[in-house]
């Protein structure tokens, strides 16, 4: 797909939530099997069906709808965490971007906003960008996936805190426990439905940006 074709893509959901990774993309199952060599905890998540998948196709102008899908997945993880603990996870596959750079541009803000919004609920969001290899915590090379996706999972203490603190001030540290808060209440002054998240996206972005500015000012003084 070229850049012109990508620019014309509208947002659409591709299937209902599922634990069958093969319906999301034919290569994702094999990719996750390879990743388990670097992250043994993933074996239990995959083996018992704790990882639930959402998928969508999106052009470059629809980050707010990607955010809405992340919110839907996050609320599902919160609901399942009461039964499954830290094994309750979600994956949101995002088709459309023809390159790693395009995927970065589409996912960067929605993922950061979701992380800021759900930090108080003890959730982590991590993007895996198509065709881009990563290094694990031991410096070993992780292969790049064939499709970009975002993992939503409960934070694991103290390992995740140490990981994020090494990243510096750009990361919002998650809470140790989910207190059941309505994550939109402080932003909107009231409750919001998950399906309205895209509509509220600009206000959430502005609210978190203002919070971050205050935090950085405090760090500098």
C-alpha atoms as a PDB file:
ATOM      1  CA  UNK A   1       0.000   0.000   0.000  1.00  0.00           C
ATOM      2  CA  UNK A   2       1.354   3.442  -0.892  1.00  0.00           C
ATOM      3  CA  UNK A   3       1.044   6.641   1.130  1.00  0.00           C
ATOM      4  CA  UNK A   4      -1.757   8.022  -1.048  1.00  0.00           C
ATOM      5  CA  UNK A   5      -3.883   4.914  -0.584  1.00  0.00           C
ATOM      6  CA  UNK A   6      -3.230   4.936   3.169  1.00  0.00           C
ATOM      7  CA  UNK A   7      -4.377   8.564   3.435  1.00  0.00           C
ATOM      8  CA  UNK A   8      -7.765   7.583   2.012  1.00  0.00           C
ATOM      9  CA  UNK A   9      -8.495   4.777   4.454  1.00  0.00           C
ATOM     10  CA  UNK A  10     -11.396   5.343   6.853  1.00  0.00           C
ATOM     11  CA  UNK A  11     -11.598   3.743  10.281  1.00  0.00           C
ATOM     12  CA  UNK A  12     -13.443   0.451  10.616  1.00  0.00           C
ATOM     13  CA  UNK A  13     -13.566  -2.362  13.139  1.00  0.00           C
ATOM     14  CA  UNK A  14     -12.659  -5.697  11.623  1.00  0.00           C
ATOM     15  CA  UNK A  15     -14.211  -8.252  13.977  1.00  0.00           C
ATOM     16  CA  UNK A  16     -15.739  -8.641  17.447  1.00  0.00           C
ATOM     17  CA  UNK A  17     -13.363  -9.295  20.371  1.00  0.00           C
ATOM     18  CA  UNK A  18     -11.869 -12.787  20.187  1.00  0.00           C
ATOM     19  CA  UNK A  19      -9.275 -15.035  21.819  1.00  0.00           C
ATOM     20  CA  UNK A  20      -8.542 -16.683  18.443  1.00  0.00           C
ATOM     21  CA  UNK A  21      -5.430 -14.845  17.300  1.00  0.00           C
ATOM     22  CA  UNK A  22      -5.574 -16.601  13.924  1.00  0.00           C
ATOM     23  CA  UNK A  23      -8.673 -14.618  12.992  1.00  0.00           C
ATOM     24  CA  UNK A  24      -6.746 -11.384  13.555  1.00  0.00           C
ATOM     25  CA  UNK A  25      -3.739 -12.179  11.360  1.00  0.00           C
ATOM     26  CA  UNK A  26      -2.398 -15.514  10.130  1.00  0.00           C
ATOM     27  CA  UNK A  27       1.155 -14.801  11.373  1.00  0.00           C
ATOM     28  CA  UNK A  28       0.388 -13.391  14.830  1.00  0.00           C
ATOM     29  CA  UNK A  29       0.208 -16.783  16.525  1.00  0.00           C
ATOM     30  CA  UNK A  30       3.691 -17.757  15.341  1.00  0.00           C
ATOM     31  CA  UNK A  31       5.005 -14.307  16.289  1.00  0.00           C
ATOM     32  CA  UNK A  32       3.658 -14.603  19.852  1.00  0.00           C
ATOM     33  CA  UNK A  33       5.150 -18.095  20.139  1.00  0.00           C
ATOM     34  CA  UNK A  34       8.561 -16.607  19.338  1.00  0.00           C
ATOM     35  CA  UNK A  35       8.048 -13.832  21.870  1.00  0.00           C
ATOM     36  CA  UNK A  36       7.401 -16.384  24.644  1.00  0.00           C
ATOM     37  CA  UNK A  37      11.093 -17.303  24.426  1.00  0.00           C
ATOM     38  CA  UNK A  38      11.819 -13.824  25.748  1.00  0.00           C
ATOM     39  CA  UNK A  39       8.821 -13.501  28.075  1.00  0.00           C
ATOM     40  CA  UNK A  40       7.935 -16.784  29.767  1.00  0.00           C
ATOM     41  CA  UNK A  41       4.952 -15.212  31.576  1.00  0.00           C
ATOM     42  CA  UNK A  42       3.265 -14.980  28.179  1.00  0.00           C
ATOM     43  CA  UNK A  43       2.997 -18.782  28.074  1.00  0.00           C
ATOM     44  CA  UNK A  44       0.240 -18.793  30.717  1.00  0.00           C
ATOM     45  CA  UNK A  45      -1.548 -15.841  29.116  1.00  0.00           C
ATOM     46  CA  UNK A  46      -1.685 -17.530  25.709  1.00  0.00           C
ATOM     47  CA  UNK A  47      -2.265 -21.071  26.886  1.00  0.00           C
ATOM     48  CA  UNK A  48      -5.382 -20.317  28.912  1.00  0.00           C
ATOM     49  CA  UNK A  49      -6.985 -17.779  26.581  1.00  0.00           C
ATOM     50  CA  UNK A  50      -6.470 -14.725  28.784  1.00  0.00           C
ATOM     51  CA  UNK A  51      -5.412 -12.571  25.824  1.00  0.00           C
ATOM     52  CA  UNK A  52      -8.455 -11.096  24.059  1.00  0.00           C
ATOM     53  CA  UNK A  53      -8.031  -9.366  20.681  1.00  0.00           C
ATOM     54  CA  UNK A  54      -9.647  -6.377  18.992  1.00  0.00           C
ATOM     55  CA  UNK A  55      -8.705  -5.278  15.489  1.00  0.00           C
ATOM     56  CA  UNK A  56      -9.305  -2.341  13.213  1.00  0.00           C
ATOM     57  CA  UNK A  57      -8.175  -0.708  10.007  1.00  0.00           C
ATOM     58  CA  UNK A  58      -7.340   2.971  10.221  1.00  0.00           C
ATOM     59  CA  UNK A  59      -6.019   5.784   8.084  1.00  0.00           C
ATOM     60  CA  UNK A  60      -3.795   8.526   9.498  1.00  0.00           C
ATOM     61  CA  UNK A  61      -6.641  10.870  10.555  1.00  0.00           C
ATOM     62  CA  UNK A  62      -8.492   8.513  12.893  1.00  0.00           C
ATOM     63  CA  UNK A  63      -6.379   8.324  16.033  1.00  0.00           C
ATOM     64  CA  UNK A  64      -9.427   9.199  18.130  1.00  0.00           C
ATOM     65  CA  UNK A  65     -11.126   5.967  17.073  1.00  0.00           C
ATOM     66  CA  UNK A  66      -8.003   3.936  17.796  1.00  0.00           C
ATOM     67  CA  UNK A  67      -8.141   5.538  21.252  1.00  0.00           C
ATOM     68  CA  UNK A  68     -11.773   4.470  21.638  1.00  0.00           C
ATOM     69  CA  UNK A  69     -10.808   0.872  20.863  1.00  0.00           C
ATOM     70  CA  UNK A  70      -8.009   1.067  23.448  1.00  0.00           C
ATOM     71  CA  UNK A  71     -10.526   2.321  26.020  1.00  0.00           C
ATOM     72  CA  UNK A  72     -12.889  -0.544  25.205  1.00  0.00           C
ATOM     73  CA  UNK A  73     -10.060  -3.069  25.574  1.00  0.00           C
ATOM     74  CA  UNK A  74      -8.873  -1.442  28.818  1.00  0.00           C
ATOM     75  CA  UNK A  75     -12.309  -1.601  30.412  1.00  0.00           C
ATOM     76  CA  UNK A  76     -12.579  -5.254  29.407  1.00  0.00           C
ATOM     77  CA  UNK A  77      -9.214  -5.995  31.074  1.00  0.00           C
ATOM     78  CA  UNK A  78     -10.356  -4.200  34.234  1.00  0.00           C
ATOM     79  CA  UNK A  79     -13.494  -6.292  34.346  1.00  0.00           C
ATOM     80  CA  UNK A  80     -11.648  -9.579  33.814  1.00  0.00           C
ATOM     81  CA  UNK A  81      -8.785  -8.747  36.182  1.00  0.00           C
ATOM     82  CA  UNK A  82     -11.037  -9.433  39.174  1.00  0.00           C
ATOM     83  CA  UNK A  83     -11.141 -13.096  38.106  1.00  0.00           C
ATOM     84  CA  UNK A  84      -7.826 -13.564  36.299  1.00  0.00           C
ATOM     85  CA  UNK A  85      -5.450 -11.118  37.990  1.00  0.00           C
ATOM     86  CA  UNK A  86      -2.412 -10.009  35.992  1.00  0.00           C
ATOM     87  CA  UNK A  87      -3.084 -12.654  33.336  1.00  0.00           C
ATOM     88  CA  UNK A  88      -6.042 -10.667  31.963  1.00  0.00           C
ATOM     89  CA  UNK A  89      -4.659  -8.929  28.859  1.00  0.00           C
ATOM     90  CA  UNK A  90      -5.864  -7.459  25.585  1.00  0.00           C
ATOM     91  CA  UNK A  91      -4.343  -6.880  22.177  1.00  0.00           C
ATOM     92  CA  UNK A  92      -5.540  -4.223  19.723  1.00  0.00           C
ATOM     93  CA  UNK A  93      -4.280  -4.889  16.201  1.00  0.00           C
ATOM     94  CA  UNK A  94      -4.188  -1.868  13.899  1.00  0.00           C
ATOM     95  CA  UNK A  95      -4.064  -2.471  10.152  1.00  0.00           C
ATOM     96  CA  UNK A  96      -3.595   0.288   7.597  1.00  0.00           C
ATOM     97  CA  UNK A  97      -0.240   2.029   8.170  1.00  0.00           C
ATOM     98  CA  UNK A  98       2.084   0.867   5.353  1.00  0.00           C
ATOM     99  CA  UNK A  99       5.324   1.436   7.309  1.00  0.00           C
ATOM    100  CA  UNK A 100       6.689   1.479  10.829  1.00  0.00           C
ATOM    101  CA  UNK A 101       6.944   5.259  10.631  1.00  0.00           C
ATOM    102  CA  UNK A 102       3.276   5.599   9.645  1.00  0.00           C
ATOM    103  CA  UNK A 103       2.280   3.247  12.459  1.00  0.00           C
ATOM    104  CA  UNK A 104       4.310   5.305  14.940  1.00  0.00           C
ATOM    105  CA  UNK A 105       2.584   8.486  13.847  1.00  0.00           C
ATOM    106  CA  UNK A 106      -0.889   6.956  14.135  1.00  0.00           C
ATOM    107  CA  UNK A 107      -0.390   5.181  17.460  1.00  0.00           C
ATOM    108  CA  UNK A 108       1.889   7.495  19.408  1.00  0.00           C
ATOM    109  CA  UNK A 109      -0.682   9.943  20.782  1.00  0.00           C
ATOM    110  CA  UNK A 110      -3.620   7.530  21.351  1.00  0.00           C
ATOM    111  CA  UNK A 111      -1.368   5.107  23.252  1.00  0.00           C
ATOM    112  CA  UNK A 112       0.199   7.869  25.359  1.00  0.00           C
ATOM    113  CA  UNK A 113      -3.227   9.334  26.154  1.00  0.00           C
ATOM    114  CA  UNK A 114      -4.632   5.926  27.109  1.00  0.00           C
ATOM    115  CA  UNK A 115      -1.616   5.296  29.349  1.00  0.00           C
ATOM    116  CA  UNK A 116      -2.071   8.645  31.058  1.00  0.00           C
ATOM    117  CA  UNK A 117      -5.794   8.081  31.505  1.00  0.00           C
ATOM    118  CA  UNK A 118      -5.486   4.557  32.935  1.00  0.00           C
ATOM    119  CA  UNK A 119      -2.303   4.914  35.001  1.00  0.00           C
ATOM    120  CA  UNK A 120      -4.461   5.440  38.088  1.00  0.00           C
ATOM    121  CA  UNK A 121      -6.213   2.161  37.321  1.00  0.00           C
ATOM    122  CA  UNK A 122      -2.918   0.267  37.229  1.00  0.00           C
ATOM    123  CA  UNK A 123      -2.851  -0.539  33.499  1.00  0.00           C
ATOM    124  CA  UNK A 124       0.030  -0.535  31.019  1.00  0.00           C
ATOM    125  CA  UNK A 125      -0.151   0.070  27.248  1.00  0.00           C
ATOM    126  CA  UNK A 126       2.656  -1.034  24.962  1.00  0.00           C
ATOM    127  CA  UNK A 127       2.850  -0.655  21.179  1.00  0.00           C
ATOM    128  CA  UNK A 128       4.539  -3.220  18.943  1.00  0.00           C
ATOM    129  CA  UNK A 129       5.106  -1.676  15.528  1.00  0.00           C
ATOM    130  CA  UNK A 130       5.070  -3.711  12.321  1.00  0.00           C
ATOM    131  CA  UNK A 131       8.427  -4.822  10.915  1.00  0.00           C
ATOM    132  CA  UNK A 132      10.398  -3.216  13.765  1.00  0.00           C
ATOM    133  CA  UNK A 133      12.588  -5.410  15.948  1.00  0.00           C
ATOM    134  CA  UNK A 134      12.932  -4.576  19.639  1.00  0.00           C
ATOM    135  CA  UNK A 135      15.250  -5.610  22.447  1.00  0.00           C
ATOM    136  CA  UNK A 136      13.916  -7.363  25.543  1.00  0.00           C
ATOM    137  CA  UNK A 137      14.962  -6.430  29.098  1.00  0.00           C
ATOM    138  CA  UNK A 138      18.123  -8.494  28.688  1.00  0.00           C
ATOM    139  CA  UNK A 139      19.091  -6.855  25.404  1.00  0.00           C
ATOM    140  CA  UNK A 140      18.080  -9.836  23.272  1.00  0.00           C
ATOM    141  CA  UNK A 141      16.552  -9.093  19.884  1.00  0.00           C
ATOM    142  CA  UNK A 142      12.776  -9.461  19.530  1.00  0.00           C
ATOM    143  CA  UNK A 143      11.455  -9.857  15.965  1.00  0.00           C
ATOM    144  CA  UNK A 144       9.094  -7.289  14.516  1.00  0.00           C
ATOM    145  CA  UNK A 145       5.441  -8.329  14.002  1.00  0.00           C
ATOM    146  CA  UNK A 146       3.744  -8.344  10.600  1.00  0.00           C
ATOM    147  CA  UNK A 147       0.965  -6.094  11.926  1.00  0.00           C
ATOM    148  CA  UNK A 148       1.136  -3.307  14.500  1.00  0.00           C
ATOM    149  CA  UNK A 149      -0.674  -3.910  17.768  1.00  0.00           C
ATOM    150  CA  UNK A 150      -1.048  -2.474  21.264  1.00  0.00           C
ATOM    151  CA  UNK A 151      -0.997  -4.664  24.359  1.00  0.00           C
ATOM    152  CA  UNK A 152      -3.144  -3.617  27.327  1.00  0.00           C
ATOM    153  CA  UNK A 153      -2.318  -5.342  30.602  1.00  0.00           C
ATOM    154  CA  UNK A 154      -2.214  -4.885  34.376  1.00  0.00           C
ATOM    155  CA  UNK A 155       1.061  -3.466  35.687  1.00  0.00           C
ATOM    156  CA  UNK A 156       3.314  -6.002  37.415  1.00  0.00           C
ATOM    157  CA  UNK A 157       5.117  -4.648  40.460  1.00  0.00           C
ATOM    158  CA  UNK A 158       7.954  -3.933  41.026  1.00  0.00           C
ATOM    159  CA  UNK A 159       9.272  -4.986  37.606  1.00  0.00           C
ATOM    160  CA  UNK A 160       7.208  -2.517  35.546  1.00  0.00           C
ATOM    161  CA  UNK A 161       8.006   0.397  37.831  1.00  0.00           C
ATOM    162  CA  UNK A 162      11.722  -0.250  37.418  1.00  0.00           C
ATOM    163  CA  UNK A 163      11.245  -0.524  33.654  1.00  0.00           C
ATOM    164  CA  UNK A 164       9.344   2.768  33.389  1.00  0.00           C
ATOM    165  CA  UNK A 165      11.651   4.652  35.716  1.00  0.00           C
ATOM    166  CA  UNK A 166      14.542   3.784  33.417  1.00  0.00           C
ATOM    167  CA  UNK A 167      12.562   5.480  30.640  1.00  0.00           C
ATOM    168  CA  UNK A 168      12.600   8.882  32.359  1.00  0.00           C
ATOM    169  CA  UNK A 169       9.943  11.599  32.643  1.00  0.00           C
ATOM    170  CA  UNK A 170       8.052  10.649  29.468  1.00  0.00           C
ATOM    171  CA  UNK A 171       6.281   7.770  31.212  1.00  0.00           C
ATOM    172  CA  UNK A 172       3.365   7.893  33.654  1.00  0.00           C
ATOM    173  CA  UNK A 173       3.865   5.405  36.475  1.00  0.00           C
ATOM    174  CA  UNK A 174       0.825   3.165  37.031  1.00  0.00           C
ATOM    175  CA  UNK A 175      -0.864   2.651  40.368  1.00  0.00           C
ATOM    176  CA  UNK A 176      -0.357  -0.626  42.189  1.00  0.00           C
ATOM    177  CA  UNK A 177      -4.097  -1.340  42.380  1.00  0.00           C
ATOM    178  CA  UNK A 178      -7.228  -0.500  40.447  1.00  0.00           C
ATOM    179  CA  UNK A 179      -9.525   1.454  42.748  1.00  0.00           C
ATOM    180  CA  UNK A 180     -12.458   1.115  40.333  1.00  0.00           C
ATOM    181  CA  UNK A 181     -12.381   4.778  39.346  1.00  0.00           C
ATOM    182  CA  UNK A 182     -14.271   6.202  36.390  1.00  0.00           C
ATOM    183  CA  UNK A 183     -11.235   7.392  34.428  1.00  0.00           C
ATOM    184  CA  UNK A 184     -13.230  10.067  32.590  1.00  0.00           C
ATOM    185  CA  UNK A 185     -14.750  11.716  35.654  1.00  0.00           C
ATOM    186  CA  UNK A 186     -11.854  14.086  36.405  1.00  0.00           C
ATOM    187  CA  UNK A 187     -11.612  15.032  32.737  1.00  0.00           C
ATOM    188  CA  UNK A 188     -15.280  15.529  31.916  1.00  0.00           C
ATOM    189  CA  UNK A 189     -16.765  16.211  35.324  1.00  0.00           C
ATOM    190  CA  UNK A 190     -19.051  13.207  34.996  1.00  0.00           C
ATOM    191  CA  UNK A 191     -19.376   9.694  33.650  1.00  0.00           C
ATOM    192  CA  UNK A 192     -18.813   8.811  29.990  1.00  0.00           C
ATOM    193  CA  UNK A 193     -19.759   5.786  27.948  1.00  0.00           C
ATOM    194  CA  UNK A 194     -16.982   3.793  26.326  1.00  0.00           C
ATOM    195  CA  UNK A 195     -18.573   4.227  22.917  1.00  0.00           C
ATOM    196  CA  UNK A 196     -18.294   8.012  23.321  1.00  0.00           C
ATOM    197  CA  UNK A 197     -14.532   7.957  23.949  1.00  0.00           C
ATOM    198  CA  UNK A 198     -13.667   9.145  20.432  1.00  0.00           C
ATOM    199  CA  UNK A 199     -15.941  12.174  20.852  1.00  0.00           C
ATOM    200  CA  UNK A 200     -14.235  13.093  24.140  1.00  0.00           C
ATOM    201  CA  UNK A 201     -10.709  12.450  22.821  1.00  0.00           C
ATOM    202  CA  UNK A 202      -9.751  16.145  22.253  1.00  0.00           C
ATOM    203  CA  UNK A 203     -10.757  17.051  25.819  1.00  0.00           C
ATOM    204  CA  UNK A 204      -8.820  14.107  27.235  1.00  0.00           C
ATOM    205  CA  UNK A 205      -5.718  15.074  25.242  1.00  0.00           C
ATOM    206  CA  UNK A 206      -5.944  18.686  26.449  1.00  0.00           C
ATOM    207  CA  UNK A 207      -6.543  17.646  30.080  1.00  0.00           C
ATOM    208  CA  UNK A 208      -3.557  15.281  30.181  1.00  0.00           C
ATOM    209  CA  UNK A 209      -1.328  17.799  28.396  1.00  0.00           C
ATOM    210  CA  UNK A 210      -2.175  20.389  31.059  1.00  0.00           C
ATOM    211  CA  UNK A 211      -1.447  17.862  33.832  1.00  0.00           C
ATOM    212  CA  UNK A 212       1.879  16.981  32.241  1.00  0.00           C
ATOM    213  CA  UNK A 213       2.855  20.652  31.948  1.00  0.00           C
ATOM    214  CA  UNK A 214       2.174  21.138  35.663  1.00  0.00           C
ATOM    215  CA  UNK A 215       4.139  17.995  36.541  1.00  0.00           C
ATOM    216  CA  UNK A 216       7.152  19.029  34.467  1.00  0.00           C
ATOM    217  CA  UNK A 217       7.091  22.512  35.962  1.00  0.00           C
ATOM    218  CA  UNK A 218       7.166  20.948  39.415  1.00  0.00           C
ATOM    219  CA  UNK A 219      10.126  18.741  38.459  1.00  0.00           C
ATOM    220  CA  UNK A 220      12.069  21.760  37.211  1.00  0.00           C
ATOM    221  CA  UNK A 221      11.467  23.910  40.312  1.00  0.00           C
END
